[in-house]
Amino acid sequence: MTEFSPDPVDKAPNRMGQGLARGFRRLCPNCGAGPLFKGYLAVQASCPTCGHDNAQYRADDAAPYFTILVIGHLVIGPLLVFPFILTAPIGLVLGTTLPALAVLTLCLLPVIKGAVIGGLWALRAPAQGATREEIGPYDLGGTATSPPRP
């Protein structure tokens, strides 16, 4: 009986999953060892461990958008199911939920920004002004795909 041998392409790491996981941990998406941020949200221009240029990934408005999306769907939506939102005095509801939402938003923002940068790294998003020859073909998870159409 012969043993099943998976195709070498199947053994390739999932580049998107790897980039997102490293970004969630606020680590360099290229090596996973160096810090991605030099402050709260300021991206280090280059990784101190591997020297990868992390400043090329523009995560401008994506991180706040995804943070609001996550907070809105996972916190505010289910919060409306609880009856105290409708029956408690408005001052009490706003006084308890708004600070909690603000803290949760500020805690999630750098994590989600790291994941966005990790996703851009996985997609090999080009630096601003890069030519098609510099970009090359896209490769997600080890499978060869054709370059984007013009």
C-alpha atoms as a PDB file:
ATOM      1  CA  MET A   1       0.000   0.000   0.000  1.00  0.00           C
ATOM      2  CA  THR A   2       1.422   3.373  -0.955  1.00  0.00           C
ATOM      3  CA  GLU A   3       1.372   6.256   1.427  1.00  0.00           C
ATOM      4  CA  PHE A   4      -0.251   9.506   0.373  1.00  0.00           C
ATOM      5  CA  SER A   5       2.307  12.218  -0.274  1.00  0.00           C
ATOM      6  CA  PRO A   6       0.876  15.719  -0.422  1.00  0.00           C
ATOM      7  CA  ASP A   7       1.948  18.071  -3.143  1.00  0.00           C
ATOM      8  CA  PRO A   8       4.828  20.360  -2.066  1.00  0.00           C
ATOM      9  CA  VAL A   9       2.540  23.326  -2.670  1.00  0.00           C
ATOM     10  CA  ASP A  10       0.332  22.076   0.195  1.00  0.00           C
ATOM     11  CA  LYS A  11       3.311  22.210   2.563  1.00  0.00           C
ATOM     12  CA  ALA A  12       3.878  25.898   1.888  1.00  0.00           C
ATOM     13  CA  PRO A  13       2.945  28.136   4.827  1.00  0.00           C
ATOM     14  CA  ASN A  14      -0.236  30.152   4.678  1.00  0.00           C
ATOM     15  CA  ARG A  15       1.235  33.579   4.028  1.00  0.00           C
ATOM     16  CA  MET A  16      -1.986  35.449   4.805  1.00  0.00           C
ATOM     17  CA  GLY A  17      -2.548  33.629   8.091  1.00  0.00           C
ATOM     18  CA  GLN A  18       1.070  34.122   9.057  1.00  0.00           C
ATOM     19  CA  GLY A  19       0.970  37.848   8.264  1.00  0.00           C
ATOM     20  CA  LEU A  20      -2.297  38.394  10.143  1.00  0.00           C
ATOM     21  CA  ALA A  21      -1.108  36.433  13.194  1.00  0.00           C
ATOM     22  CA  ARG A  22       2.164  38.342  13.382  1.00  0.00           C
ATOM     23  CA  GLY A  23       0.338  41.626  12.922  1.00  0.00           C
ATOM     24  CA  PHE A  24      -2.164  40.793  15.674  1.00  0.00           C
ATOM     25  CA  ARG A  25       0.798  40.278  17.994  1.00  0.00           C
ATOM     26  CA  ARG A  26       2.208  43.659  16.844  1.00  0.00           C
ATOM     27  CA  LEU A  27       5.341  41.990  15.430  1.00  0.00           C
ATOM     28  CA  CYS A  28       7.136  42.484  12.136  1.00  0.00           C
ATOM     29  CA  PRO A  29       5.165  40.567   9.490  1.00  0.00           C
ATOM     30  CA  ASN A  30       8.359  39.525   7.717  1.00  0.00           C
ATOM     31  CA  CYS A  31      10.311  37.893  10.567  1.00  0.00           C
ATOM     32  CA  GLY A  32       7.835  37.740  13.465  1.00  0.00           C
ATOM     33  CA  ALA A  33      10.523  38.761  15.950  1.00  0.00           C
ATOM     34  CA  GLY A  34      10.962  42.530  15.788  1.00  0.00           C
ATOM     35  CA  PRO A  35       8.387  45.040  17.020  1.00  0.00           C
ATOM     36  CA  LEU A  36       6.098  46.532  14.365  1.00  0.00           C
ATOM     37  CA  PHE A  37       5.365  49.771  16.204  1.00  0.00           C
ATOM     38  CA  LYS A  38       7.650  52.281  17.840  1.00  0.00           C
ATOM     39  CA  GLY A  39       4.780  53.787  19.816  1.00  0.00           C
ATOM     40  CA  TYR A  40       1.031  53.425  20.064  1.00  0.00           C
ATOM     41  CA  LEU A  41       0.295  53.514  16.315  1.00  0.00           C
ATOM     42  CA  ALA A  42       3.538  54.751  14.736  1.00  0.00           C
ATOM     43  CA  VAL A  43       5.016  52.057  12.497  1.00  0.00           C
ATOM     44  CA  GLN A  44       8.763  51.519  12.696  1.00  0.00           C
ATOM     45  CA  ALA A  45      10.296  52.434   9.372  1.00  0.00           C
ATOM     46  CA  SER A  46      12.373  49.253   9.324  1.00  0.00           C
ATOM     47  CA  CYS A  47      12.415  46.174  11.513  1.00  0.00           C
ATOM     48  CA  PRO A  48      15.352  46.229  13.956  1.00  0.00           C
ATOM     49  CA  THR A  49      15.640  42.424  13.657  1.00  0.00           C
ATOM     50  CA  CYS A  50      15.457  41.722   9.918  1.00  0.00           C
ATOM     51  CA  GLY A  51      15.639  45.207   8.378  1.00  0.00           C
ATOM     52  CA  HIS A  52      12.357  44.800   6.446  1.00  0.00           C
ATOM     53  CA  ASP A  53      10.838  48.115   5.306  1.00  0.00           C
ATOM     54  CA  ASN A  54       7.514  48.228   7.173  1.00  0.00           C
ATOM     55  CA  ALA A  55       6.882  51.874   6.279  1.00  0.00           C
ATOM     56  CA  GLN A  56       5.871  50.846   2.756  1.00  0.00           C
ATOM     57  CA  TYR A  57       2.545  49.421   3.953  1.00  0.00           C
ATOM     58  CA  ARG A  58      -0.069  52.179   4.080  1.00  0.00           C
ATOM     59  CA  ALA A  59      -2.732  51.165   6.604  1.00  0.00           C
ATOM     60  CA  ASP A  60      -4.155  54.703   6.819  1.00  0.00           C
ATOM     61  CA  ASP A  61      -7.927  54.452   7.269  1.00  0.00           C
ATOM     62  CA  ALA A  62      -8.303  50.674   7.186  1.00  0.00           C
ATOM     63  CA  ALA A  63      -7.486  50.108  10.860  1.00  0.00           C
ATOM     64  CA  PRO A  64     -10.068  52.565  12.265  1.00  0.00           C
ATOM     65  CA  TYR A  65     -12.654  51.263   9.791  1.00  0.00           C
ATOM     66  CA  PHE A  66     -12.156  47.620  10.814  1.00  0.00           C
ATOM     67  CA  THR A  67     -12.030  48.582  14.489  1.00  0.00           C
ATOM     68  CA  ILE A  68     -15.396  50.329  14.234  1.00  0.00           C
ATOM     69  CA  LEU A  69     -16.747  47.387  12.260  1.00  0.00           C
ATOM     70  CA  VAL A  70     -15.654  44.895  14.931  1.00  0.00           C
ATOM     71  CA  ILE A  71     -16.869  47.011  17.854  1.00  0.00           C
ATOM     72  CA  GLY A  72     -20.179  47.702  16.154  1.00  0.00           C
ATOM     73  CA  HIS A  73     -20.966  44.124  15.268  1.00  0.00           C
ATOM     74  CA  LEU A  74     -19.531  42.273  18.233  1.00  0.00           C
ATOM     75  CA  VAL A  75     -20.311  44.721  21.057  1.00  0.00           C
ATOM     76  CA  ILE A  76     -22.985  47.268  20.202  1.00  0.00           C
ATOM     77  CA  GLY A  77     -25.272  44.865  18.320  1.00  0.00           C
ATOM     78  CA  PRO A  78     -25.447  42.272  21.113  1.00  0.00           C
ATOM     79  CA  LEU A  79     -25.607  45.052  23.717  1.00  0.00           C
ATOM     80  CA  LEU A  80     -28.974  46.117  22.290  1.00  0.00           C
ATOM     81  CA  VAL A  81     -30.425  42.722  23.239  1.00  0.00           C
ATOM     82  CA  PHE A  82     -29.992  43.376  26.970  1.00  0.00           C
ATOM     83  CA  PRO A  83     -33.070  45.029  28.478  1.00  0.00           C
ATOM     84  CA  PHE A  84     -31.128  47.407  30.748  1.00  0.00           C
ATOM     85  CA  ILE A  85     -30.197  49.459  27.676  1.00  0.00           C
ATOM     86  CA  LEU A  86     -33.857  50.339  27.161  1.00  0.00           C
ATOM     87  CA  THR A  87     -35.039  50.512  30.779  1.00  0.00           C
ATOM     88  CA  ALA A  88     -32.150  52.136  32.656  1.00  0.00           C
ATOM     89  CA  PRO A  89     -31.780  55.930  32.825  1.00  0.00           C
ATOM     90  CA  ILE A  90     -29.962  57.327  29.805  1.00  0.00           C
ATOM     91  CA  GLY A  91     -27.241  58.895  31.953  1.00  0.00           C
ATOM     92  CA  LEU A  92     -26.416  55.546  33.543  1.00  0.00           C
ATOM     93  CA  VAL A  93     -26.338  53.732  30.196  1.00  0.00           C
ATOM     94  CA  LEU A  94     -24.130  56.339  28.536  1.00  0.00           C
ATOM     95  CA  GLY A  95     -21.931  56.678  31.619  1.00  0.00           C
ATOM     96  CA  THR A  96     -21.162  52.970  31.674  1.00  0.00           C
ATOM     97  CA  THR A  97     -21.124  51.952  28.029  1.00  0.00           C
ATOM     98  CA  LEU A  98     -19.301  54.883  26.405  1.00  0.00           C
ATOM     99  CA  PRO A  99     -16.141  54.665  28.563  1.00  0.00           C
ATOM    100  CA  ALA A 100     -16.085  50.893  28.118  1.00  0.00           C
ATOM    101  CA  LEU A 101     -16.432  51.242  24.338  1.00  0.00           C
ATOM    102  CA  ALA A 102     -13.738  53.937  24.243  1.00  0.00           C
ATOM    103  CA  VAL A 103     -11.268  51.757  26.164  1.00  0.00           C
ATOM    104  CA  LEU A 104     -12.075  48.716  24.019  1.00  0.00           C
ATOM    105  CA  THR A 105     -11.637  50.751  20.828  1.00  0.00           C
ATOM    106  CA  LEU A 106      -8.283  52.141  21.948  1.00  0.00           C
ATOM    107  CA  CYS A 107      -7.095  48.649  22.915  1.00  0.00           C
ATOM    108  CA  LEU A 108      -8.153  47.071  19.612  1.00  0.00           C
ATOM    109  CA  LEU A 109      -6.873  49.805  17.291  1.00  0.00           C
ATOM    110  CA  PRO A 110      -3.135  48.925  17.355  1.00  0.00           C
ATOM    111  CA  VAL A 111      -3.897  45.204  17.164  1.00  0.00           C
ATOM    112  CA  ILE A 112      -6.107  45.642  14.121  1.00  0.00           C
ATOM    113  CA  LYS A 113      -3.626  48.053  12.500  1.00  0.00           C
ATOM    114  CA  GLY A 114      -0.940  45.402  12.946  1.00  0.00           C
ATOM    115  CA  ALA A 115      -3.203  42.825  11.312  1.00  0.00           C
ATOM    116  CA  VAL A 116      -3.889  45.184   8.393  1.00  0.00           C
ATOM    117  CA  ILE A 117      -0.152  45.678   7.885  1.00  0.00           C
ATOM    118  CA  GLY A 118       0.347  41.902   8.133  1.00  0.00           C
ATOM    119  CA  GLY A 119      -2.347  41.410   5.506  1.00  0.00           C
ATOM    120  CA  LEU A 120      -0.720  43.964   3.221  1.00  0.00           C
ATOM    121  CA  TRP A 121       2.595  42.158   3.689  1.00  0.00           C
ATOM    122  CA  ALA A 122       0.941  38.846   2.776  1.00  0.00           C
ATOM    123  CA  LEU A 123      -0.551  40.355  -0.350  1.00  0.00           C
ATOM    124  CA  ARG A 124       2.817  41.876  -1.184  1.00  0.00           C
ATOM    125  CA  ALA A 125       1.079  45.209  -1.525  1.00  0.00           C
ATOM    126  CA  PRO A 126       3.300  47.484  -3.532  1.00  0.00           C
ATOM    127  CA  ALA A 127       4.835  50.615  -2.163  1.00  0.00           C
ATOM    128  CA  GLN A 128       3.266  53.798  -3.433  1.00  0.00           C
ATOM    129  CA  GLY A 129       4.535  54.503  -6.946  1.00  0.00           C
ATOM    130  CA  ALA A 130       5.916  50.978  -7.601  1.00  0.00           C
ATOM    131  CA  THR A 131       5.874  49.734 -11.209  1.00  0.00           C
ATOM    132  CA  ARG A 132       4.284  46.467 -12.327  1.00  0.00           C
ATOM    133  CA  GLU A 133       7.750  44.945 -12.876  1.00  0.00           C
ATOM    134  CA  GLU A 134       8.728  45.734  -9.284  1.00  0.00           C
ATOM    135  CA  ILE A 135       5.513  44.202  -7.942  1.00  0.00           C
ATOM    136  CA  GLY A 136       5.817  40.773  -9.585  1.00  0.00           C
ATOM    137  CA  PRO A 137       3.226  37.979  -9.331  1.00  0.00           C
ATOM    138  CA  TYR A 138       1.061  37.594  -6.259  1.00  0.00           C
ATOM    139  CA  ASP A 139       1.548  34.439  -4.200  1.00  0.00           C
ATOM    140  CA  LEU A 140      -0.825  33.606  -1.365  1.00  0.00           C
ATOM    141  CA  GLY A 141      -0.107  30.469   0.583  1.00  0.00           C
ATOM    142  CA  GLY A 142       2.425  29.004  -1.812  1.00  0.00           C
ATOM    143  CA  THR A 143       0.200  28.706  -4.875  1.00  0.00           C
ATOM    144  CA  ALA A 144       1.412  30.431  -7.999  1.00  0.00           C
ATOM    145  CA  THR A 145      -1.121  32.806  -9.463  1.00  0.00           C
ATOM    146  CA  SER A 146      -1.051  35.133 -12.389  1.00  0.00           C
ATOM    147  CA  PRO A 147      -0.228  38.803 -11.883  1.00  0.00           C
ATOM    148  CA  PRO A 148      -3.131  41.228 -11.661  1.00  0.00           C
ATOM    149  CA  ARG A 149      -4.718  42.266 -14.909  1.00  0.00           C
ATOM    150  CA  PRO A 150      -3.990  45.760 -16.220  1.00  0.00           C
END
